[in-house]
C-alpha atoms as a PDB file:
ATOM      1  CA  MET A   1     -62.696  27.242 -10.363  1.00  0.00           C
ATOM      2  CA  PHE A   2     -61.592  24.666 -12.918  1.00  0.00           C
ATOM      3  CA  ILE A   3     -58.458  26.663 -13.827  1.00  0.00           C
ATOM      4  CA  GLY A   4     -57.457  26.970 -10.152  1.00  0.00           C
ATOM      5  CA  ASN A   5     -57.691  23.207  -9.664  1.00  0.00           C
ATOM      6  CA  LEU A   6     -55.748  22.641 -12.873  1.00  0.00           C
ATOM      7  CA  PHE A   7     -52.937  24.932 -11.642  1.00  0.00           C
ATOM      8  CA  LYS A   8     -52.904  23.102  -8.292  1.00  0.00           C
ATOM      9  CA  LEU A   9     -52.606  19.764 -10.077  1.00  0.00           C
ATOM     10  CA  ILE A  10     -49.825  20.994 -12.343  1.00  0.00           C
ATOM     11  CA  PHE A  11     -47.946  22.506  -9.379  1.00  0.00           C
ATOM     12  CA  PHE A  12     -48.356  19.254  -7.418  1.00  0.00           C
ATOM     13  CA  LEU A  13     -47.021  17.167 -10.316  1.00  0.00           C
ATOM     14  CA  ILE A  14     -44.036  19.490 -10.777  1.00  0.00           C
ATOM     15  CA  ALA A  15     -43.281  19.351  -7.028  1.00  0.00           C
ATOM     16  CA  VAL A  16     -43.489  15.541  -6.980  1.00  0.00           C
ATOM     17  CA  TYR A  17     -41.197  15.304 -10.013  1.00  0.00           C
ATOM     18  CA  PHE A  18     -38.725  17.728  -8.402  1.00  0.00           C
ATOM     19  CA  PHE A  19     -38.505  15.696  -5.187  1.00  0.00           C
ATOM     20  CA  TYR A  20     -38.249  12.468  -7.192  1.00  0.00           C
ATOM     21  CA  SER A  21     -35.357  13.927  -9.219  1.00  0.00           C
ATOM     22  CA  VAL A  22     -33.531  15.163  -6.117  1.00  0.00           C
ATOM     23  CA  PHE A  23     -33.961  11.752  -4.462  1.00  0.00           C
ATOM     24  CA  ARG A  24     -32.600   9.940  -7.532  1.00  0.00           C
ATOM     25  CA  MET A  25     -29.665  12.361  -7.780  1.00  0.00           C
ATOM     26  CA  LEU A  26     -28.718  11.789  -4.139  1.00  0.00           C
ATOM     27  CA  LEU A  27     -29.152   8.032  -4.443  1.00  0.00           C
ATOM     28  CA  PHE A  28     -26.975   7.748  -7.557  1.00  0.00           C
ATOM     29  CA  ALA A  29     -24.374  10.148  -6.162  1.00  0.00           C
ATOM     30  CA  ALA A  30     -24.055   8.053  -3.001  1.00  0.00           C
ATOM     31  CA  ARG A  31     -23.817   4.836  -4.993  1.00  0.00           C
ATOM     32  CA  ASN A  32     -21.214   6.251  -7.391  1.00  0.00           C
ATOM     33  CA  THR A  33     -19.171   7.653  -4.502  1.00  0.00           C
ATOM     34  CA  ALA A  34     -19.132   4.287  -2.754  1.00  0.00           C
ATOM     35  CA  GLY A  35     -18.120   2.536  -5.979  1.00  0.00           C
ATOM     36  CA  ARG A  36     -15.406   5.090  -6.702  1.00  0.00           C
ATOM     37  CA  GLU A  37     -13.918   4.727  -3.214  1.00  0.00           C
ATOM     38  CA  GLU A  38     -13.823   0.949  -3.573  1.00  0.00           C
ATOM     39  CA  ARG A  39     -12.223   1.240  -7.020  1.00  0.00           C
ATOM     40  CA  LEU A  40      -9.597   3.696  -5.743  1.00  0.00           C
ATOM     41  CA  ARG A  41      -8.785   1.442  -2.787  1.00  0.00           C
ATOM     42  CA  ARG A  42      -8.430  -1.592  -5.079  1.00  0.00           C
ATOM     43  CA  ASP A  43      -6.238   0.330  -7.552  1.00  0.00           C
ATOM     44  CA  SER A  44      -4.083   1.621  -4.706  1.00  0.00           C
ATOM     45  CA  ALA A  45      -3.597  -1.905  -3.393  1.00  0.00           C
ATOM     46  CA  GLU A  46      -2.609  -3.109  -6.875  1.00  0.00           C
ATOM     47  CA  ARG A  47      -0.077  -0.285  -7.206  1.00  0.00           C
ATOM     48  CA  MET A  48       1.398  -1.131  -3.822  1.00  0.00           C
ATOM     49  CA  LYS A  49       1.790  -4.770  -4.913  1.00  0.00           C
ATOM     50  CA  ALA A  50       3.491  -3.675  -8.125  1.00  0.00           C
ATOM     51  CA  GLY A  51       6.014  -1.747  -6.054  1.00  0.00           C
ATOM     52  CA  GLY A  52       5.838   1.686  -7.565  1.00  0.00           C
ATOM     53  CA  LYS A  53       3.915   4.877  -7.442  1.00  0.00           C
ATOM     54  CA  LYS A  54       2.616   4.357 -10.961  1.00  0.00           C
ATOM     55  CA  GLY A  55       2.595   0.581 -10.750  1.00  0.00           C
ATOM     56  CA  GLY A  56       5.799  -0.004 -12.683  1.00  0.00           C
ATOM     57  CA  LYS A  57       6.885   1.394 -16.005  1.00  0.00           C
ATOM     58  CA  GLY A  58       4.240   3.471 -17.698  1.00  0.00           C
ATOM     59  CA  GLU A  59       3.360   3.226 -21.352  1.00  0.00           C
ATOM     60  CA  ASP A  60       4.712   6.702 -22.023  1.00  0.00           C
ATOM     61  CA  ILE A  61       8.291   5.830 -20.964  1.00  0.00           C
ATOM     62  CA  ILE A  62      10.687   4.861 -23.736  1.00  0.00           C
ATOM     63  CA  GLU A  63      14.015   3.326 -22.803  1.00  0.00           C
ATOM     64  CA  LEU A  64      16.914   4.393 -25.001  1.00  0.00           C
ATOM     65  CA  ASP A  65      20.515   3.265 -25.172  1.00  0.00           C
ATOM     66  CA  LYS A  66      23.149   5.818 -24.252  1.00  0.00           C
ATOM     67  CA  ASN A  67      23.950   6.543 -27.914  1.00  0.00           C
ATOM     68  CA  GLN A  68      20.288   7.082 -28.882  1.00  0.00           C
ATOM     69  CA  TYR A  69      18.203  10.178 -28.411  1.00  0.00           C
ATOM     70  CA  LYS A  70      14.597  11.130 -28.990  1.00  0.00           C
ATOM     71  CA  VAL A  71      13.421  14.322 -30.670  1.00  0.00           C
ATOM     72  CA  GLU A  72       9.819  15.382 -30.213  1.00  0.00           C
END
């Protein structure tokens, strides 16, 4: 009898923890999604203000004179 009640208690605690974890996962996923959408919208607006697809000249672009060349 005691072992049966102990198994019920353990199963109940595992079930409660499972539902708590799923709830937290959904809550944080929704919050992160909302934050990501806002961040993407803000970055898109900043790029549009800058007037380019990448927001101007990127850091990986090197301007060379016509008599210079770059070897990688």
